[in-house]
C-alpha atoms as a PDB file:
ATOM      1  CA  MET A   1     -14.047  33.383  33.710  1.00  0.00           C
ATOM      2  CA  ARG A   2     -13.163  34.198  30.103  1.00  0.00           C
ATOM      3  CA  THR A   3     -15.619  35.277  27.436  1.00  0.00           C
ATOM      4  CA  ILE A   4     -16.524  32.625  24.863  1.00  0.00           C
ATOM      5  CA  TYR A   5     -17.142  34.196  21.457  1.00  0.00           C
ATOM      6  CA  LEU A   6     -18.350  31.101  19.566  1.00  0.00           C
ATOM      7  CA  SER A   7     -18.207  27.351  20.001  1.00  0.00           C
ATOM      8  CA  ASP A   8     -19.216  24.057  18.522  1.00  0.00           C
ATOM      9  CA  CYS A   9     -19.247  20.683  20.297  1.00  0.00           C
ATOM     10  CA  VAL A  10     -15.430  20.318  20.150  1.00  0.00           C
ATOM     11  CA  VAL A  11     -13.742  23.756  20.238  1.00  0.00           C
ATOM     12  CA  ALA A  12     -14.517  27.273  21.358  1.00  0.00           C
ATOM     13  CA  LEU A  13     -13.057  30.639  20.407  1.00  0.00           C
ATOM     14  CA  ALA A  14     -12.441  32.513  23.626  1.00  0.00           C
ATOM     15  CA  GLU A  15     -11.009  35.726  24.980  1.00  0.00           C
ATOM     16  CA  ASN A  16      -7.230  35.769  25.286  1.00  0.00           C
ATOM     17  CA  ILE A  17      -6.198  36.192  28.913  1.00  0.00           C
ATOM     18  CA  GLU A  18      -2.749  36.911  30.325  1.00  0.00           C
ATOM     19  CA  GLU A  19      -2.254  33.267  31.330  1.00  0.00           C
ATOM     20  CA  ASP A  20      -2.364  32.333  27.623  1.00  0.00           C
ATOM     21  CA  ASP A  21       0.655  34.465  26.699  1.00  0.00           C
ATOM     22  CA  PRO A  22       3.481  31.982  27.511  1.00  0.00           C
ATOM     23  CA  ALA A  23       1.912  29.243  25.348  1.00  0.00           C
ATOM     24  CA  LEU A  24       1.183  31.680  22.514  1.00  0.00           C
ATOM     25  CA  TYR A  25       4.768  32.921  22.609  1.00  0.00           C
ATOM     26  CA  ALA A  26       6.124  29.364  22.650  1.00  0.00           C
ATOM     27  CA  CYS A  27       3.979  28.494  19.618  1.00  0.00           C
ATOM     28  CA  TRP A  28       5.304  31.519  17.700  1.00  0.00           C
ATOM     29  CA  CYS A  29       8.831  30.192  18.458  1.00  0.00           C
ATOM     30  CA  ASP A  30       7.981  26.670  17.254  1.00  0.00           C
ATOM     31  CA  PRO A  31       9.873  25.794  14.019  1.00  0.00           C
ATOM     32  CA  ASP A  32       6.709  24.534  12.286  1.00  0.00           C
ATOM     33  CA  THR A  33       4.852  27.751  13.141  1.00  0.00           C
ATOM     34  CA  GLU A  34       7.808  29.823  11.948  1.00  0.00           C
ATOM     35  CA  ARG A  35       7.836  27.854   8.688  1.00  0.00           C
ATOM     36  CA  GLY A  36       4.069  28.296   8.282  1.00  0.00           C
ATOM     37  CA  TYR A  37       4.307  32.056   8.746  1.00  0.00           C
ATOM     38  CA  ASN A  38       7.698  32.494   7.007  1.00  0.00           C
ATOM     39  CA  HIS A  39       8.892  34.398  10.045  1.00  0.00           C
ATOM     40  CA  ARG A  40      11.426  33.740  12.785  1.00  0.00           C
ATOM     41  CA  ARG A  41      10.530  34.991  16.257  1.00  0.00           C
ATOM     42  CA  THR A  42      13.645  36.707  17.598  1.00  0.00           C
ATOM     43  CA  GLY A  43      12.373  38.830  20.488  1.00  0.00           C
ATOM     44  CA  THR A  44      12.188  37.907  24.131  1.00  0.00           C
ATOM     45  CA  TYR A  45       8.989  36.954  25.915  1.00  0.00           C
ATOM     46  CA  GLU A  46       8.890  40.433  27.482  1.00  0.00           C
ATOM     47  CA  GLU A  47       9.157  42.044  24.029  1.00  0.00           C
ATOM     48  CA  TYR A  48       6.388  39.756  22.780  1.00  0.00           C
ATOM     49  CA  CYS A  49       4.107  40.837  25.633  1.00  0.00           C
ATOM     50  CA  ALA A  50       4.883  44.535  25.048  1.00  0.00           C
ATOM     51  CA  HIS A  51       4.233  44.325  21.274  1.00  0.00           C
ATOM     52  CA  GLU A  52       1.078  46.051  20.139  1.00  0.00           C
ATOM     53  CA  ASN A  53      -1.079  43.859  17.950  1.00  0.00           C
ATOM     54  CA  PRO A  54      -2.346  45.182  14.608  1.00  0.00           C
ATOM     55  CA  PRO A  55      -5.992  46.225  14.471  1.00  0.00           C
ATOM     56  CA  GLY A  56      -8.362  43.315  14.325  1.00  0.00           C
ATOM     57  CA  TRP A  57      -9.621  40.495  16.474  1.00  0.00           C
ATOM     58  CA  GLY A  58      -8.118  37.418  18.033  1.00  0.00           C
ATOM     59  CA  ALA A  59      -9.200  34.481  20.120  1.00  0.00           C
ATOM     60  CA  VAL A  60      -7.674  31.538  21.885  1.00  0.00           C
ATOM     61  CA  ILE A  61      -8.901  28.138  20.734  1.00  0.00           C
ATOM     62  CA  LEU A  62     -10.125  26.037  23.659  1.00  0.00           C
ATOM     63  CA  ARG A  63     -10.745  22.298  23.514  1.00  0.00           C
ATOM     64  CA  ILE A  64     -14.180  22.067  25.112  1.00  0.00           C
ATOM     65  CA  CYS A  65     -13.832  18.685  26.851  1.00  0.00           C
ATOM     66  CA  ASP A  66     -11.183  20.016  29.266  1.00  0.00           C
ATOM     67  CA  GLU A  67     -10.976  23.772  28.465  1.00  0.00           C
ATOM     68  CA  THR A  68      -7.361  23.364  27.347  1.00  0.00           C
ATOM     69  CA  PRO A  69      -6.002  26.220  25.185  1.00  0.00           C
ATOM     70  CA  ILE A  70      -4.768  24.607  21.947  1.00  0.00           C
ATOM     71  CA  GLY A  71      -4.010  27.547  19.658  1.00  0.00           C
ATOM     72  CA  ALA A  72      -5.260  30.877  18.392  1.00  0.00           C
ATOM     73  CA  VAL A  73      -7.258  32.436  15.561  1.00  0.00           C
ATOM     74  CA  MET A  74      -6.344  35.965  14.462  1.00  0.00           C
ATOM     75  CA  PHE A  75      -8.112  38.395  12.140  1.00  0.00           C
ATOM     76  CA  SER A  76      -6.403  41.474  10.700  1.00  0.00           C
ATOM     77  CA  SER A  77      -8.858  44.222   9.818  1.00  0.00           C
ATOM     78  CA  GLU A  78      -6.131  45.933   7.752  1.00  0.00           C
ATOM     79  CA  ASN A  79      -6.419  43.301   5.003  1.00  0.00           C
ATOM     80  CA  ALA A  80      -9.405  41.133   6.043  1.00  0.00           C
ATOM     81  CA  ASP A  81      -7.010  38.227   6.678  1.00  0.00           C
ATOM     82  CA  LEU A  82      -7.940  35.286   8.893  1.00  0.00           C
ATOM     83  CA  ALA A  83      -5.076  33.209  10.291  1.00  0.00           C
ATOM     84  CA  ILE A  84      -4.625  30.315  12.693  1.00  0.00           C
ATOM     85  CA  MET A  85      -1.933  28.562  14.666  1.00  0.00           C
ATOM     86  CA  LEU A  86      -2.271  25.364  16.665  1.00  0.00           C
ATOM     87  CA  TYR A  87       0.042  24.361  19.442  1.00  0.00           C
ATOM     88  CA  PRO A  88       2.287  21.362  18.776  1.00  0.00           C
ATOM     89  CA  GLY A  89       0.534  18.224  19.936  1.00  0.00           C
ATOM     90  CA  PHE A  90      -2.881  19.421  18.739  1.00  0.00           C
ATOM     91  CA  ARG A  91      -2.176  19.522  15.001  1.00  0.00           C
ATOM     92  CA  GLY A  92      -3.641  17.092  12.485  1.00  0.00           C
ATOM     93  CA  MET A  93      -6.714  16.278  14.599  1.00  0.00           C
ATOM     94  CA  GLY A  94      -9.313  18.483  12.907  1.00  0.00           C
ATOM     95  CA  TYR A  95      -9.259  21.195  15.582  1.00  0.00           C
ATOM     96  CA  GLY A  96      -7.867  23.761  13.138  1.00  0.00           C
ATOM     97  CA  THR A  97     -10.632  23.280  10.592  1.00  0.00           C
ATOM     98  CA  ARG A  98     -13.312  23.592  13.277  1.00  0.00           C
ATOM     99  CA  ALA A  99     -11.702  26.690  14.785  1.00  0.00           C
ATOM    100  CA  PHE A 100     -11.173  28.317  11.390  1.00  0.00           C
ATOM    101  CA  MET A 101     -14.836  27.743  10.515  1.00  0.00           C
ATOM    102  CA  LEU A 102     -15.822  29.407  13.794  1.00  0.00           C
ATOM    103  CA  GLY A 103     -13.497  32.290  12.931  1.00  0.00           C
ATOM    104  CA  MET A 104     -15.238  32.699   9.568  1.00  0.00           C
ATOM    105  CA  ARG A 105     -18.607  32.626  11.333  1.00  0.00           C
ATOM    106  CA  TYR A 106     -17.424  35.369  13.695  1.00  0.00           C
ATOM    107  CA  CYS A 107     -16.295  37.452  10.708  1.00  0.00           C
ATOM    108  CA  ALA A 108     -19.680  37.012   9.010  1.00  0.00           C
ATOM    109  CA  GLU A 109     -22.020  37.373  11.996  1.00  0.00           C
ATOM    110  CA  THR A 110     -20.221  39.760  14.325  1.00  0.00           C
ATOM    111  CA  LEU A 111     -17.969  41.754  12.016  1.00  0.00           C
ATOM    112  CA  GLN A 112     -20.576  41.678   9.200  1.00  0.00           C
ATOM    113  CA  LEU A 113     -17.984  40.940   6.514  1.00  0.00           C
ATOM    114  CA  ASP A 114     -18.898  39.528   3.121  1.00  0.00           C
ATOM    115  CA  HIS A 115     -15.504  37.868   2.534  1.00  0.00           C
ATOM    116  CA  VAL A 116     -12.209  37.022   4.228  1.00  0.00           C
ATOM    117  CA  TYR A 117      -8.761  36.179   2.908  1.00  0.00           C
ATOM    118  CA  ALA A 118      -6.228  33.618   4.087  1.00  0.00           C
ATOM    119  CA  GLY A 119      -2.756  32.791   2.912  1.00  0.00           C
ATOM    120  CA  CYS A 120      -0.346  29.886   3.020  1.00  0.00           C
ATOM    121  CA  TYR A 121       2.741  28.606   1.272  1.00  0.00           C
ATOM    122  CA  PRO A 122       2.638  25.888  -1.411  1.00  0.00           C
ATOM    123  CA  ASP A 123       4.500  23.387   0.788  1.00  0.00           C
ATOM    124  CA  ASN A 124       2.061  23.757   3.712  1.00  0.00           C
ATOM    125  CA  HIS A 125      -0.142  20.806   2.756  1.00  0.00           C
ATOM    126  CA  ALA A 126      -2.102  20.765   6.027  1.00  0.00           C
ATOM    127  CA  SER A 127      -3.129  24.419   5.607  1.00  0.00           C
ATOM    128  CA  LEU A 128      -3.992  23.903   1.946  1.00  0.00           C
ATOM    129  CA  LYS A 129      -6.311  21.015   2.912  1.00  0.00           C
ATOM    130  CA  MET A 130      -7.876  23.032   5.736  1.00  0.00           C
ATOM    131  CA  LEU A 131      -8.534  26.022   3.476  1.00  0.00           C
ATOM    132  CA  ALA A 132     -10.175  23.763   0.874  1.00  0.00           C
ATOM    133  CA  ARG A 133     -12.333  22.083   3.563  1.00  0.00           C
ATOM    134  CA  CYS A 134     -13.404  25.541   4.744  1.00  0.00           C
ATOM    135  CA  GLY A 135     -14.471  26.560   1.238  1.00  0.00           C
ATOM    136  CA  PHE A 136     -11.655  28.971   0.380  1.00  0.00           C
ATOM    137  CA  VAL A 137     -10.798  29.348  -3.288  1.00  0.00           C
ATOM    138  CA  PRO A 138      -7.559  30.609  -4.861  1.00  0.00           C
ATOM    139  CA  HIS A 139      -7.266  34.374  -5.198  1.00  0.00           C
ATOM    140  CA  PRO A 140      -4.121  34.621  -7.389  1.00  0.00           C
ATOM    141  CA  GLU A 141      -4.221  38.403  -7.654  1.00  0.00           C
ATOM    142  CA  GLY A 142      -3.465  38.477  -3.904  1.00  0.00           C
ATOM    143  CA  ASN A 143      -0.439  36.163  -4.082  1.00  0.00           C
ATOM    144  CA  LEU A 144       2.651  37.739  -2.506  1.00  0.00           C
ATOM    145  CA  ARG A 145       6.259  37.288  -3.590  1.00  0.00           C
ATOM    146  CA  GLU A 146       8.611  37.431  -0.649  1.00  0.00           C
ATOM    147  CA  LYS A 147      11.936  36.145   0.646  1.00  0.00           C
ATOM    148  CA  HIS A 148      12.167  32.880   2.559  1.00  0.00           C
ATOM    149  CA  TYR A 149      12.923  33.698   6.200  1.00  0.00           C
ATOM    150  CA  LEU A 150      15.904  31.301   6.335  1.00  0.00           C
ATOM    151  CA  THR A 151      17.304  31.015   2.808  1.00  0.00           C
ATOM    152  CA  GLY A 152      16.438  34.393   1.298  1.00  0.00           C
ATOM    153  CA  GLU A 153      15.108  32.615  -1.812  1.00  0.00           C
ATOM    154  CA  GLU A 154      12.061  34.026  -3.574  1.00  0.00           C
ATOM    155  CA  ILE A 155       8.859  32.254  -2.542  1.00  0.00           C
ATOM    156  CA  THR A 156       5.162  32.896  -3.063  1.00  0.00           C
ATOM    157  CA  GLN A 157       2.539  33.117  -0.367  1.00  0.00           C
ATOM    158  CA  LEU A 158      -0.647  31.879  -1.994  1.00  0.00           C
ATOM    159  CA  ASP A 159      -3.774  33.919  -1.330  1.00  0.00           C
ATOM    160  CA  PHE A 160      -7.269  32.478  -0.901  1.00  0.00           C
ATOM    161  CA  VAL A 161     -10.696  34.040  -0.432  1.00  0.00           C
ATOM    162  CA  LYS A 162     -13.923  32.832   1.148  1.00  0.00           C
ATOM    163  CA  TYR A 163     -17.144  34.618   0.312  1.00  0.00           C
ATOM    164  CA  LEU A 164     -19.331  34.635   3.422  1.00  0.00           C
ATOM    165  CA  ARG A 165     -22.584  35.896   1.914  1.00  0.00           C
END
């Protein structure tokens, strides 16, 4: 039985267990996820499993009605950044907004943070809508210039902040 960190009536944030790893790896290799993170996954599954995660917290998103894992929420304590990825087939249904709100609640209640950051690219309309629904506001001083993972062109990752207290 896995630990449930937080839940609402639709989704739960739960402990990541070894059985989740193949689906998490597959999602990182998904072209839409790669586009959303401006990063191409090139390593093998074994390399993925051996990789040490940065300091922070992470949880698998479970759909409560059938306990199906549908994605993950990650928090980096290095830069107070909250991130999400949903598995293909579960996007555009409101699960991400619910899970992200639970992630913010975890950051406020358990980690005792007064704010969190999140980033996305200007062409990621779904993430922009989700961040707005979750109450994030632009934080332009945190915007990052970087190279597009495929074209090498200069792009900007937009930064957003949510004040939790």
